[in-house]
Amino acid sequence: MGTITHLHERLRAVPNRIDTEGDVLTVASAVLPALAQMPVAEALGRSGLLAVSVPSDFGGLDVSNVVLAEAVSLVAAVSAGAAVILASHFSALEAIRNAGSEEQRRSAFARAAAGECFLLAGRAAARLESDAQFLPEGMGFRLEGEAKIAALADADWLAIPAADPSGETALLLVPRNAPGVTISETGDEASSRLDLAGVHVAADSVLTPTRHAAHMVESVHRLLLAAAILGQARKELETLVAAIAPEGDATVASAQAIGWRQVEIETIHALILRVAAAIDAAQVNPAGGTIAEAHRLATILDITTQRMRTGETAGEEEESLVVALGLQLIAGGEQGAV
C-alpha cells in the first residue's frame, strides 16, 4: 500500500509543536480564547493538540491517556462542542493506530501532525460499524450508505467504518469535502448524519482493522466523552457556587445539591484515572486480557457518567450493558467482553 491520497488540499498555519507531556495542559488552556475567534478545527489544529496522541513509533508525543482526558476536560469547561470534536479526533487516531499497514498509519499520523482534524463516524458512538458499504470501482472503491458523526465541524478527514461485499469491516479515510459526502443535522444534538452517495475512496485509504480495534476505540472514546462531561460539570459547579453568597444565603437544598455534585465529580474523576491507566497498559501490551479490562472499566465509566449527565435511571441500552458486564465477570475473561 502507498500513502493516503492527498485531496482537497488547503493552506493552513503551521501548528505549534508540543514537545513534552507537561506542555499539553498549558497549550489546552491557551487555546481556549482562540475557540471564539476562528473555526474550532482550525484553532485546535494551530494549537498542536491534534498531534499529541500520535504514537512515538511514528514520531509523535504519544501522551498518556490521563493527560489526554484532562486536556479534553479543560476544553470542555469553555466549549462542549470543541471537546467533543477533540474526543472524536483522538478516537479516530486510536482507530488508525489499530488498523492498516505501517505506511498507511504513517501517512495519516503525518496529517494529524500537520494540524489536520479527523472525525470518527459510525452507527453509534465510537463503534467501528456503520450502515455504509464499499464496493470495488476502478482503481479504488465506491462508498455508499450513512453513518453518524459527533459534530458538524469543518474537519479535514472522516474515518468511516464500512463493510465490503463479504461483510468484513474496514476503516475508510475520506476527505470531508469529497464529492458525495453530505453532513446534516438530525435533531439529536449529540450527533449529525453523514450521507454517502457514490463517494470515491482511493485503495490506499482503506485500512484493515486489527482484531481488537473496536474495543480499543470504544474504550478511548468512552474515556474522552466522560472527560468532556466532567469538564462541563466542573464549570457548572463553579458557576453554581459563585452564585451563592458566602454570608449564609445557601439553603439546605442548594447545599445538598452542591454536595452531591461534588461526590459525582470526584467519583467520575477517579474512574477516569483508572480507565486511562488501563488503556495505557493495553496500548503498551495489546493482549486480550489488557484490552478486555480497559474495555470493561470504560463501560462502567460510560454508564456512571451518563447517569451524572442525565440524572436518569437505567434505560434499555444501559441495562444491556450492565447485563454484558455481569456475563463478562461470570465468564471470567474476554469471552464475555462488553
Protein backbone atom coordinates (compact mmCIF):
# COMPACT_ATOMS: atom_id res chain seq x y z
CA MET A 1 0.00 0.00 0.00
CA GLY A 2 1.12 3.55 -0.65
CA THR A 3 0.44 6.68 1.29
CA ILE A 4 -3.01 8.13 1.73
CA THR A 5 -4.04 10.14 -1.32
CA HIS A 6 -3.99 13.91 -0.71
CA LEU A 7 -7.19 15.50 -1.96
CA HIS A 8 -8.74 18.91 -1.38
CA GLU A 9 -5.54 20.48 -0.03
CA ARG A 10 -5.83 23.88 1.64
CA LEU A 11 -3.38 26.33 3.11
CA ARG A 12 -3.08 26.23 6.89
CA ALA A 13 -0.93 27.76 9.59
CA VAL A 14 2.00 25.67 10.82
CA PRO A 15 0.82 24.09 14.09
CA ASN A 16 2.52 24.71 17.39
CA ARG A 17 4.90 21.90 18.33
CA ILE A 18 4.31 20.33 21.74
CA ASP A 19 7.45 18.54 22.93
CA THR A 20 6.57 17.29 26.42
CA GLU A 21 3.55 15.94 28.27
CA GLY A 22 3.87 18.79 30.74
CA ASP A 23 3.15 21.30 27.97
CA VAL A 24 -0.11 19.68 26.82
CA LEU A 25 -2.37 21.13 29.52
CA THR A 26 -0.71 24.53 29.22
CA VAL A 27 -1.48 24.55 25.48
CA ALA A 28 -5.04 23.30 26.10
CA SER A 29 -5.64 26.26 28.40
CA ALA A 30 -4.02 28.69 26.00
CA VAL A 31 -6.17 27.58 23.04
CA LEU A 32 -9.43 28.38 24.80
CA PRO A 33 -9.64 32.09 23.79
CA ALA A 34 -8.95 31.15 20.16
CA LEU A 35 -12.07 28.97 20.07
CA ALA A 36 -14.21 32.09 19.99
CA GLN A 37 -12.24 33.69 17.16
CA MET A 38 -11.89 31.01 14.49
CA PRO A 39 -13.39 27.66 13.42
CA VAL A 40 -12.88 25.03 16.12
CA ALA A 41 -10.93 22.58 13.93
CA GLU A 42 -8.58 25.37 12.84
CA ALA A 43 -7.98 26.56 16.40
CA LEU A 44 -7.24 23.03 17.59
CA GLY A 45 -5.01 22.41 14.57
CA ARG A 46 -2.92 25.53 15.17
CA SER A 47 -2.52 24.67 18.85
CA GLY A 48 -0.72 21.41 18.14
CA LEU A 49 -3.16 19.42 20.30
CA LEU A 50 -4.34 17.29 17.36
CA ALA A 51 -0.96 15.56 17.22
CA VAL A 52 -0.33 14.74 20.89
CA SER A 53 -1.71 11.17 20.73
CA VAL A 54 0.32 10.17 17.64
CA PRO A 55 2.36 7.07 18.64
CA SER A 56 6.05 7.56 19.38
CA ASP A 57 6.91 4.97 16.72
CA PHE A 58 5.58 7.48 14.18
CA GLY A 59 7.39 10.50 15.62
CA GLY A 60 4.60 11.57 17.96
CA LEU A 61 4.47 12.50 21.62
CA ASP A 62 2.03 9.66 22.46
CA VAL A 63 0.89 11.29 25.71
CA SER A 64 -0.69 9.22 28.45
CA ASN A 65 -4.45 8.86 28.36
CA VAL A 66 -4.65 10.67 31.72
CA VAL A 67 -3.19 13.79 30.08
CA LEU A 68 -5.37 13.32 27.01
CA ALA A 69 -8.51 13.15 29.16
CA GLU A 70 -7.53 16.18 31.22
CA ALA A 71 -6.90 18.22 28.04
CA VAL A 72 -10.39 17.35 26.77
CA SER A 73 -11.85 18.22 30.17
CA LEU A 74 -10.15 21.63 30.17
CA VAL A 75 -11.50 22.45 26.71
CA ALA A 76 -15.00 21.26 27.71
CA ALA A 77 -15.16 23.81 30.50
CA VAL A 78 -15.22 26.52 27.82
CA SER A 79 -16.67 24.75 24.77
CA ALA A 80 -18.55 21.47 24.94
CA GLY A 81 -18.59 21.29 21.14
CA ALA A 82 -14.82 21.71 20.85
CA ALA A 83 -14.29 18.99 23.46
CA VAL A 84 -16.49 16.55 21.54
CA ILE A 85 -14.56 17.30 18.34
CA LEU A 86 -11.28 16.72 20.16
CA ALA A 87 -12.61 13.43 21.58
CA SER A 88 -13.76 12.29 18.14
CA HIS A 89 -10.38 13.21 16.61
CA PHE A 90 -8.40 11.29 19.21
CA SER A 91 -10.78 8.34 18.81
CA ALA A 92 -10.17 8.39 15.05
CA LEU A 93 -6.41 8.34 15.67
CA GLU A 94 -6.88 5.37 18.00
CA ALA A 95 -8.74 3.59 15.19
CA ILE A 96 -5.85 4.35 12.83
CA ARG A 97 -3.35 3.13 15.46
CA ASN A 98 -5.17 -0.23 15.31
CA ALA A 99 -5.65 -0.55 11.54
CA GLY A 100 -3.87 -0.63 8.20
CA SER A 101 -0.27 -1.02 7.16
CA GLU A 102 2.64 0.87 8.65
CA GLU A 103 2.77 3.15 5.58
CA GLN A 104 -0.95 3.93 5.83
CA ARG A 105 -0.66 4.76 9.52
CA ARG A 106 2.44 6.87 8.98
CA SER A 107 0.69 8.90 6.28
CA ALA A 108 -2.41 9.52 8.42
CA PHE A 109 -0.40 10.43 11.52
CA ALA A 110 1.68 12.86 9.47
CA ARG A 111 -1.51 14.68 8.52
CA ALA A 112 -2.53 14.91 12.19
CA ALA A 113 0.95 16.30 12.97
CA ALA A 114 0.35 18.92 10.28
CA GLY A 115 -2.75 20.10 12.13
CA GLU A 116 -5.42 18.21 10.19
CA CYS A 117 -8.55 17.14 12.05
CA PHE A 118 -10.14 13.68 11.78
CA LEU A 119 -13.68 12.81 12.89
CA LEU A 120 -14.71 9.25 13.67
CA ALA A 121 -18.01 8.13 12.15
CA GLY A 122 -20.11 5.10 12.98
CA ARG A 123 -23.56 3.71 13.72
CA ALA A 124 -23.20 4.72 17.37
CA ALA A 125 -20.56 6.46 19.45
CA ALA A 126 -17.12 5.05 18.69
CA ARG A 127 -18.28 1.67 17.43
CA LEU A 128 -16.43 0.52 14.37
CA GLU A 129 -19.61 -0.23 12.47
CA SER A 130 -21.99 1.78 10.32
CA ASP A 131 -24.69 1.43 7.68
CA ALA A 132 -22.17 2.04 4.91
CA GLN A 133 -20.75 -0.33 2.31
CA PHE A 134 -17.87 -0.03 -0.13
CA LEU A 135 -17.55 -1.78 -3.49
CA PRO A 136 -14.65 -2.03 -5.96
CA GLU A 137 -14.70 0.74 -8.55
CA GLY A 138 -11.87 1.40 -10.99
CA MET A 139 -8.58 1.90 -9.13
CA GLY A 140 -10.34 2.26 -5.79
CA PHE A 141 -13.74 1.84 -4.19
CA ARG A 142 -17.23 3.39 -4.14
CA LEU A 143 -18.68 4.18 -0.71
CA GLU A 144 -22.45 4.24 -0.17
CA GLY A 145 -24.75 4.48 2.85
CA GLU A 146 -24.87 6.53 6.01
CA ALA A 147 -23.22 6.93 9.40
CA LYS A 148 -23.24 9.29 12.36
CA ILE A 149 -20.62 11.77 13.46
CA ALA A 150 -20.36 13.72 16.68
CA ALA A 151 -20.31 17.23 15.25
CA LEU A 152 -20.68 19.44 12.19
CA ALA A 153 -17.07 20.58 12.45
CA ASP A 154 -15.02 21.75 9.50
CA ALA A 155 -12.78 18.69 9.81
CA ASP A 156 -10.32 17.62 7.13
CA TRP A 157 -10.93 13.87 7.23
CA LEU A 158 -13.68 11.43 8.12
CA ALA A 159 -12.73 7.99 9.46
CA ILE A 160 -15.65 5.81 8.38
CA PRO A 161 -16.10 2.12 9.20
CA ALA A 162 -17.81 0.33 6.31
CA ALA A 163 -18.40 -3.23 5.17
CA ASP A 164 -17.12 -4.81 1.97
CA PRO A 165 -19.27 -7.23 -0.12
CA SER A 166 -18.24 -10.14 2.12
CA GLY A 167 -19.31 -8.28 5.27
CA GLU A 168 -15.79 -7.57 6.55
CA THR A 169 -15.35 -4.13 8.11
CA ALA A 170 -12.60 -1.72 7.11
CA LEU A 171 -11.77 1.85 8.14
CA LEU A 172 -12.01 4.28 5.23
CA LEU A 173 -10.32 7.68 5.39
CA VAL A 174 -12.34 10.15 3.32
CA PRO A 175 -11.75 13.90 2.82
CA ARG A 176 -14.56 15.87 4.46
CA ASN A 177 -15.26 17.76 1.22
CA ALA A 178 -15.12 14.76 -1.11
CA PRO A 179 -17.91 14.69 -3.74
CA GLY A 180 -20.87 12.69 -2.47
CA VAL A 181 -20.33 13.46 1.23
CA THR A 182 -23.19 15.34 2.89
CA ILE A 183 -23.49 16.16 6.59
CA SER A 184 -26.84 17.20 8.02
CA GLU A 185 -28.40 17.75 11.43
CA THR A 186 -30.60 15.01 12.84
CA GLY A 187 -32.34 16.87 15.66
CA ASP A 188 -30.14 14.99 18.12
CA GLU A 189 -27.59 17.48 19.47
CA ALA A 190 -25.19 14.61 20.22
CA SER A 191 -24.73 13.59 16.58
CA SER A 192 -25.19 14.52 12.92
CA ARG A 193 -25.96 12.32 9.93
CA LEU A 194 -23.36 11.55 7.33
CA ASP A 195 -24.84 10.65 3.93
CA LEU A 196 -22.52 8.93 1.45
CA ALA A 197 -23.56 8.74 -2.20
CA GLY A 198 -21.06 7.35 -4.69
CA VAL A 199 -18.03 8.59 -2.74
CA HIS A 200 -14.78 7.55 -4.42
CA VAL A 201 -12.18 6.20 -1.98
CA ALA A 202 -8.60 5.52 -3.06
CA ALA A 203 -7.36 1.99 -2.43
CA ASP A 204 -4.62 3.21 -0.08
CA SER A 205 -7.22 4.95 2.09
CA VAL A 206 -8.86 1.65 3.10
CA LEU A 207 -7.36 0.32 6.36
CA THR A 208 -7.97 -3.18 7.71
CA PRO A 209 -8.60 -3.12 11.49
CA THR A 210 -6.87 -5.45 13.92
CA ARG A 211 -8.88 -7.99 15.88
CA HIS A 212 -9.12 -5.75 18.97
CA ALA A 213 -9.51 -2.40 17.21
CA ALA A 214 -13.20 -1.96 18.05
CA HIS A 215 -12.69 -2.45 21.79
CA MET A 216 -9.71 -0.10 21.92
CA VAL A 217 -11.54 2.64 20.02
CA GLU A 218 -14.64 2.30 22.19
CA SER A 219 -12.56 2.45 25.35
CA VAL A 220 -10.74 5.62 24.29
CA HIS A 221 -13.93 7.29 23.10
CA ARG A 222 -15.82 6.49 26.30
CA LEU A 223 -12.92 7.84 28.34
CA LEU A 224 -12.77 11.10 26.43
CA LEU A 225 -16.53 11.69 26.35
CA ALA A 226 -16.55 11.17 30.11
CA ALA A 227 -13.73 13.71 30.37
CA ALA A 228 -15.78 16.20 28.33
CA ILE A 229 -18.81 15.71 30.59
CA LEU A 230 -16.56 16.09 33.65
CA GLY A 231 -15.21 19.40 32.37
CA GLN A 232 -18.73 20.72 31.85
CA ALA A 233 -19.81 19.52 35.29
CA ARG A 234 -16.85 21.23 36.96
CA LYS A 235 -17.72 24.50 35.24
CA GLU A 236 -21.40 24.21 36.17
CA LEU A 237 -20.48 23.55 39.81
CA GLU A 238 -18.16 26.55 39.84
CA THR A 239 -20.94 28.75 38.46
CA LEU A 240 -23.46 27.39 40.96
CA VAL A 241 -21.18 28.02 43.94
CA ALA A 242 -20.30 31.52 42.70
CA ALA A 243 -23.98 32.42 42.55
CA ILE A 244 -24.43 31.77 46.26
CA ALA A 245 -23.13 34.46 48.60
CA PRO A 246 -20.77 33.13 51.28
CA GLU A 247 -22.61 35.00 54.06
CA GLY A 248 -25.06 32.15 54.56
CA ASP A 249 -27.65 32.55 51.81
CA ALA A 250 -27.38 28.87 50.88
CA THR A 251 -30.40 26.74 51.68
CA VAL A 252 -30.19 23.16 52.81
CA ALA A 253 -31.42 22.08 49.40
CA SER A 254 -28.78 24.07 47.49
CA ALA A 255 -26.02 22.85 49.81
CA GLN A 256 -27.22 19.28 49.31
CA ALA A 257 -27.22 19.69 45.52
CA ILE A 258 -23.70 21.12 45.58
CA GLY A 259 -22.52 18.36 47.88
CA TRP A 260 -23.91 15.58 45.70
CA ARG A 261 -22.44 17.14 42.57
CA GLN A 262 -19.03 17.14 44.25
CA VAL A 263 -19.44 13.45 45.05
CA GLU A 264 -20.36 12.70 41.43
CA ILE A 265 -17.50 14.75 40.00
CA GLU A 266 -14.87 13.16 42.24
CA THR A 267 -16.25 9.68 41.51
CA ILE A 268 -16.08 10.25 37.76
CA HIS A 269 -12.58 11.73 38.06
CA ALA A 270 -11.34 8.69 39.99
CA LEU A 271 -12.84 6.35 37.39
CA ILE A 272 -11.26 8.37 34.57
CA LEU A 273 -7.82 7.96 36.14
CA ARG A 274 -8.32 4.20 36.46
CA VAL A 275 -9.65 3.77 32.92
CA ALA A 276 -6.86 5.91 31.46
CA ALA A 277 -4.23 3.77 33.19
CA ALA A 278 -5.89 0.59 31.88
CA ILE A 279 -5.92 1.96 28.32
CA ASP A 280 -2.26 2.93 28.63
CA ALA A 281 -1.48 -0.65 29.65
CA ALA A 282 -3.48 -2.06 26.74
CA GLN A 283 -1.72 0.22 24.24
CA VAL A 284 1.71 -0.82 25.52
CA ASN A 285 0.79 -4.51 25.81
CA PRO A 286 -2.15 -5.15 23.44
CA ALA A 287 -3.03 -8.60 24.75
CA GLY A 288 -6.56 -9.95 25.01
CA GLY A 289 -6.64 -9.55 28.80
CA THR A 290 -5.40 -5.97 28.97
CA ILE A 291 -7.74 -4.85 26.19
CA ALA A 292 -10.75 -6.58 27.76
CA GLU A 293 -10.01 -4.98 31.15
CA ALA A 294 -9.70 -1.50 29.64
CA HIS A 295 -12.98 -2.00 27.79
CA ARG A 296 -14.75 -3.30 30.92
CA LEU A 297 -13.69 -0.31 33.00
CA ALA A 298 -14.50 2.14 30.19
CA THR A 299 -18.02 0.68 30.01
CA ILE A 300 -18.51 1.20 33.75
CA LEU A 301 -17.23 4.78 33.37
CA ASP A 302 -19.63 5.42 30.49
CA ILE A 303 -22.66 4.21 32.47
CA THR A 304 -21.69 6.21 35.55
CA THR A 305 -21.00 9.38 33.60
CA GLN A 306 -24.22 9.26 31.61
CA ARG A 307 -26.17 8.91 34.84
CA MET A 308 -24.48 12.01 36.21
CA ARG A 309 -25.21 13.89 32.99
CA THR A 310 -28.89 12.96 32.65
CA GLY A 311 -29.92 12.07 36.20
CA GLU A 312 -31.95 9.25 34.68
CA THR A 313 -32.25 5.67 35.87
CA ALA A 314 -31.17 2.78 33.67
CA GLY A 315 -32.71 2.59 30.21
CA GLU A 316 -32.84 -0.40 27.90
CA GLU A 317 -29.39 0.20 26.36
CA GLU A 318 -27.80 0.77 29.75
CA GLU A 319 -29.40 -2.37 31.16
CA SER A 320 -27.99 -4.41 28.27
CA LEU A 321 -24.51 -3.06 29.04
CA VAL A 322 -24.91 -3.94 32.72
CA VAL A 323 -26.01 -7.46 31.82
CA ALA A 324 -23.00 -7.78 29.50
CA LEU A 325 -20.72 -6.69 32.34
CA GLY A 326 -22.23 -9.41 34.53
CA LEU A 327 -21.76 -12.04 31.84
CA GLN A 328 -18.16 -10.94 31.36
CA LEU A 329 -17.39 -11.40 35.05
CA ILE A 330 -19.15 -14.77 35.12
CA ALA A 331 -17.22 -15.89 32.03
CA GLY A 332 -14.02 -14.87 33.79
CA GLY A 333 -12.36 -13.30 30.80
CA GLU A 334 -12.53 -11.93 27.31
CA GLN A 335 -15.30 -14.28 26.15
CA GLY A 336 -17.90 -12.07 27.80
CA ALA A 337 -16.42 -8.76 26.68
CA VAL A 338 -18.96 -5.96 26.56
